[in-house]
């Protein structure tokens, strides 16, 4: 006769449902890094929009300053002021053409400079144009 082999089965261990503490910590760390990256990206885009808006306002102010003059008084001009956080400076100096002694239209180099911000964050832009002297332009019109 053959000996009977007995198999003893161990009672099954109940499986744990859910996540281990390590898995939860890793998931929280990944979520924290993701949220930090999103916050940084959103903050950067808001700063970019504000910077672009300010630059556009400064450009519009500089164009407006240049458009406000069609001629320049004899001797040039030097004006400055501020508007809504933007500091501006409008200057006009004689422009050397090489034909100053001959009758003609004396030209002036007109520069409209606009600055904003303080310290290291300060920014500026300037636009330059040439305009005739007022006296010469009036004489030519007569």
C-alpha atoms as a PDB file:
ATOM      1  CA  UNK A   1       0.000   0.000   0.000  1.00  0.00           C
ATOM      2  CA  UNK A   2       0.963   3.361  -0.693  1.00  0.00           C
ATOM      3  CA  UNK A   3       1.465   5.885   2.019  1.00  0.00           C
ATOM      4  CA  UNK A   4      -0.994   8.709   2.028  1.00  0.00           C
ATOM      5  CA  UNK A   5       0.485  12.064   1.476  1.00  0.00           C
ATOM      6  CA  UNK A   6      -1.120  14.733   3.381  1.00  0.00           C
ATOM      7  CA  UNK A   7      -1.063  18.290   2.275  1.00  0.00           C
ATOM      8  CA  UNK A   8      -1.528  20.871   4.912  1.00  0.00           C
ATOM      9  CA  UNK A   9      -2.770  24.138   3.517  1.00  0.00           C
ATOM     10  CA  UNK A  10      -1.966  27.201   5.461  1.00  0.00           C
ATOM     11  CA  UNK A  11      -4.831  29.529   6.056  1.00  0.00           C
ATOM     12  CA  UNK A  12      -4.843  32.347   3.504  1.00  0.00           C
ATOM     13  CA  UNK A  13      -3.710  35.706   4.750  1.00  0.00           C
ATOM     14  CA  UNK A  14      -6.300  38.395   4.192  1.00  0.00           C
ATOM     15  CA  UNK A  15      -5.112  40.860   1.510  1.00  0.00           C
ATOM     16  CA  UNK A  16      -5.015  44.452   2.537  1.00  0.00           C
ATOM     17  CA  UNK A  17      -7.270  46.752   0.551  1.00  0.00           C
ATOM     18  CA  UNK A  18      -5.980  50.302  -0.114  1.00  0.00           C
ATOM     19  CA  UNK A  19      -2.571  51.943  -0.386  1.00  0.00           C
ATOM     20  CA  UNK A  20       0.471  51.685   1.800  1.00  0.00           C
ATOM     21  CA  UNK A  21       1.807  54.722   3.603  1.00  0.00           C
ATOM     22  CA  UNK A  22       4.773  54.885   1.225  1.00  0.00           C
ATOM     23  CA  UNK A  23       2.520  54.968  -1.833  1.00  0.00           C
ATOM     24  CA  UNK A  24       0.470  57.795  -0.322  1.00  0.00           C
ATOM     25  CA  UNK A  25       3.611  59.816   0.479  1.00  0.00           C
ATOM     26  CA  UNK A  26       4.984  59.384  -3.040  1.00  0.00           C
ATOM     27  CA  UNK A  27       1.650  60.444  -4.562  1.00  0.00           C
ATOM     28  CA  UNK A  28       1.540  63.551  -2.332  1.00  0.00           C
ATOM     29  CA  UNK A  29       5.109  64.480  -3.272  1.00  0.00           C
ATOM     30  CA  UNK A  30       4.330  64.179  -6.997  1.00  0.00           C
ATOM     31  CA  UNK A  31       1.189  66.265  -6.577  1.00  0.00           C
ATOM     32  CA  UNK A  32       3.086  68.957  -4.613  1.00  0.00           C
ATOM     33  CA  UNK A  33       5.769  69.262  -7.310  1.00  0.00           C
ATOM     34  CA  UNK A  34       3.109  69.434 -10.039  1.00  0.00           C
ATOM     35  CA  UNK A  35       1.156  72.153  -8.239  1.00  0.00           C
ATOM     36  CA  UNK A  36       4.329  74.162  -7.614  1.00  0.00           C
ATOM     37  CA  UNK A  37       5.205  74.006 -11.322  1.00  0.00           C
ATOM     38  CA  UNK A  38       1.684  75.109 -12.318  1.00  0.00           C
ATOM     39  CA  UNK A  39       1.756  77.974  -9.821  1.00  0.00           C
ATOM     40  CA  UNK A  40       5.121  79.143 -11.145  1.00  0.00           C
ATOM     41  CA  UNK A  41       3.911  78.986 -14.763  1.00  0.00           C
ATOM     42  CA  UNK A  42       0.692  80.866 -14.003  1.00  0.00           C
ATOM     43  CA  UNK A  43       2.572  83.552 -12.051  1.00  0.00           C
ATOM     44  CA  UNK A  44       5.041  84.004 -14.902  1.00  0.00           C
ATOM     45  CA  UNK A  45       2.277  84.437 -17.459  1.00  0.00           C
ATOM     46  CA  UNK A  46       0.526  87.065 -15.308  1.00  0.00           C
ATOM     47  CA  UNK A  47       3.807  88.990 -14.972  1.00  0.00           C
ATOM     48  CA  UNK A  48       4.324  88.709 -18.724  1.00  0.00           C
ATOM     49  CA  UNK A  49       0.886  90.140 -19.458  1.00  0.00           C
ATOM     50  CA  UNK A  50       1.484  93.059 -17.084  1.00  0.00           C
ATOM     51  CA  UNK A  51       4.895  93.790 -18.616  1.00  0.00           C
ATOM     52  CA  UNK A  52       3.458  93.683 -22.135  1.00  0.00           C
ATOM     53  CA  UNK A  53       0.591  95.960 -21.160  1.00  0.00           C
ATOM     54  CA  UNK A  54       2.951  98.517 -19.608  1.00  0.00           C
ATOM     55  CA  UNK A  55       5.247  98.409 -22.643  1.00  0.00           C
ATOM     56  CA  UNK A  56       2.275  98.999 -24.953  1.00  0.00           C
ATOM     57  CA  UNK A  57       1.128 101.989 -22.886  1.00  0.00           C
ATOM     58  CA  UNK A  58       4.679 103.404 -22.943  1.00  0.00           C
ATOM     59  CA  UNK A  59       4.890 102.996 -26.725  1.00  0.00           C
ATOM     60  CA  UNK A  60       1.503 104.698 -27.179  1.00  0.00           C
ATOM     61  CA  UNK A  61       2.648 107.596 -24.971  1.00  0.00           C
ATOM     62  CA  UNK A  62       5.907 108.010 -26.921  1.00  0.00           C
ATOM     63  CA  UNK A  63       4.011 108.001 -30.240  1.00  0.00           C
ATOM     64  CA  UNK A  64       1.552 110.521 -28.837  1.00  0.00           C
ATOM     65  CA  UNK A  65       4.398 112.806 -27.761  1.00  0.00           C
ATOM     66  CA  UNK A  66       5.921 112.714 -31.242  1.00  0.00           C
ATOM     67  CA  UNK A  67       2.519 113.280 -32.885  1.00  0.00           C
ATOM     68  CA  UNK A  68       1.816 116.282 -30.676  1.00  0.00           C
ATOM     69  CA  UNK A  69       4.414 118.295 -32.633  1.00  0.00           C
ATOM     70  CA  UNK A  70       4.444 118.934 -36.347  1.00  0.00           C
ATOM     71  CA  UNK A  71       7.206 121.556 -36.083  1.00  0.00           C
ATOM     72  CA  UNK A  72       9.811 122.526 -33.498  1.00  0.00           C
ATOM     73  CA  UNK A  73      10.390 126.055 -32.183  1.00  0.00           C
ATOM     74  CA  UNK A  74      13.718 127.661 -33.066  1.00  0.00           C
ATOM     75  CA  UNK A  75      16.300 126.602 -30.521  1.00  0.00           C
ATOM     76  CA  UNK A  76      14.705 123.211 -29.826  1.00  0.00           C
ATOM     77  CA  UNK A  77      12.732 122.076 -26.817  1.00  0.00           C
ATOM     78  CA  UNK A  78      13.129 120.127 -23.604  1.00  0.00           C
ATOM     79  CA  UNK A  79       9.969 118.946 -21.803  1.00  0.00           C
ATOM     80  CA  UNK A  80       9.247 116.208 -19.292  1.00  0.00           C
ATOM     81  CA  UNK A  81       6.442 114.912 -17.128  1.00  0.00           C
ATOM     82  CA  UNK A  82       4.676 111.793 -15.936  1.00  0.00           C
ATOM     83  CA  UNK A  83       1.437 110.026 -16.745  1.00  0.00           C
ATOM     84  CA  UNK A  84      -0.067 106.998 -14.963  1.00  0.00           C
ATOM     85  CA  UNK A  85       3.262 105.724 -13.625  1.00  0.00           C
ATOM     86  CA  UNK A  86       5.166 106.433 -16.842  1.00  0.00           C
ATOM     87  CA  UNK A  87       7.865 109.123 -16.837  1.00  0.00           C
ATOM     88  CA  UNK A  88       8.438 110.831 -20.179  1.00  0.00           C
ATOM     89  CA  UNK A  89      10.958 113.240 -21.664  1.00  0.00           C
ATOM     90  CA  UNK A  90      10.658 115.028 -25.020  1.00  0.00           C
ATOM     91  CA  UNK A  91      13.741 116.768 -26.398  1.00  0.00           C
ATOM     92  CA  UNK A  92      14.662 118.334 -29.722  1.00  0.00           C
ATOM     93  CA  UNK A  93      18.169 119.302 -30.786  1.00  0.00           C
ATOM     94  CA  UNK A  94      19.385 120.702 -34.128  1.00  0.00           C
ATOM     95  CA  UNK A  95      20.181 117.935 -36.592  1.00  0.00           C
ATOM     96  CA  UNK A  96      23.363 118.520 -38.593  1.00  0.00           C
ATOM     97  CA  UNK A  97      22.663 118.121 -42.292  1.00  0.00           C
ATOM     98  CA  UNK A  98      25.817 119.733 -43.654  1.00  0.00           C
ATOM     99  CA  UNK A  99      23.766 122.479 -45.340  1.00  0.00           C
ATOM    100  CA  UNK A 100      23.088 124.718 -42.327  1.00  0.00           C
ATOM    101  CA  UNK A 101      24.325 127.912 -44.041  1.00  0.00           C
ATOM    102  CA  UNK A 102      22.086 127.498 -47.085  1.00  0.00           C
ATOM    103  CA  UNK A 103      18.421 128.496 -47.006  1.00  0.00           C
ATOM    104  CA  UNK A 104      16.291 125.502 -46.302  1.00  0.00           C
ATOM    105  CA  UNK A 105      14.418 123.680 -43.645  1.00  0.00           C
ATOM    106  CA  UNK A 106      16.460 123.403 -40.462  1.00  0.00           C
ATOM    107  CA  UNK A 107      15.804 119.962 -39.039  1.00  0.00           C
ATOM    108  CA  UNK A 108      15.638 118.880 -35.423  1.00  0.00           C
ATOM    109  CA  UNK A 109      16.237 115.429 -34.005  1.00  0.00           C
ATOM    110  CA  UNK A 110      13.247 114.843 -31.713  1.00  0.00           C
ATOM    111  CA  UNK A 111      13.441 112.092 -29.099  1.00  0.00           C
ATOM    112  CA  UNK A 112      10.511 110.904 -27.002  1.00  0.00           C
ATOM    113  CA  UNK A 113      11.769 108.755 -24.107  1.00  0.00           C
ATOM    114  CA  UNK A 114       9.445 106.923 -21.707  1.00  0.00           C
ATOM    115  CA  UNK A 115      10.598 105.099 -18.548  1.00  0.00           C
ATOM    116  CA  UNK A 116       8.791 103.006 -15.950  1.00  0.00           C
ATOM    117  CA  UNK A 117       9.693 100.868 -12.943  1.00  0.00           C
ATOM    118  CA  UNK A 118      12.323 101.502 -10.324  1.00  0.00           C
ATOM    119  CA  UNK A 119      15.878 100.305  -9.701  1.00  0.00           C
ATOM    120  CA  UNK A 120      17.005  97.163 -11.487  1.00  0.00           C
ATOM    121  CA  UNK A 121      13.479  96.477 -12.705  1.00  0.00           C
ATOM    122  CA  UNK A 122      13.311  99.857 -14.440  1.00  0.00           C
ATOM    123  CA  UNK A 123      12.751  99.810 -18.174  1.00  0.00           C
ATOM    124  CA  UNK A 124      12.669 102.459 -20.878  1.00  0.00           C
ATOM    125  CA  UNK A 125      12.052 102.978 -24.547  1.00  0.00           C
ATOM    126  CA  UNK A 126      12.632 105.901 -26.880  1.00  0.00           C
ATOM    127  CA  UNK A 127      11.462 106.898 -30.327  1.00  0.00           C
ATOM    128  CA  UNK A 128      13.360 109.324 -32.560  1.00  0.00           C
ATOM    129  CA  UNK A 129      12.143 111.411 -35.494  1.00  0.00           C
ATOM    130  CA  UNK A 130      13.183 114.447 -37.545  1.00  0.00           C
ATOM    131  CA  UNK A 131      10.965 117.524 -37.637  1.00  0.00           C
ATOM    132  CA  UNK A 132      11.407 120.952 -39.270  1.00  0.00           C
ATOM    133  CA  UNK A 133      11.859 124.207 -37.412  1.00  0.00           C
ATOM    134  CA  UNK A 134       8.581 126.090 -36.932  1.00  0.00           C
ATOM    135  CA  UNK A 135       9.822 129.437 -38.282  1.00  0.00           C
ATOM    136  CA  UNK A 136      11.130 127.897 -41.495  1.00  0.00           C
ATOM    137  CA  UNK A 137       7.967 125.864 -42.002  1.00  0.00           C
ATOM    138  CA  UNK A 138       5.780 128.965 -41.553  1.00  0.00           C
ATOM    139  CA  UNK A 139       7.906 131.033 -43.969  1.00  0.00           C
ATOM    140  CA  UNK A 140       7.651 128.326 -46.616  1.00  0.00           C
ATOM    141  CA  UNK A 141       3.866 128.171 -46.235  1.00  0.00           C
ATOM    142  CA  UNK A 142       3.467 131.911 -46.943  1.00  0.00           C
END
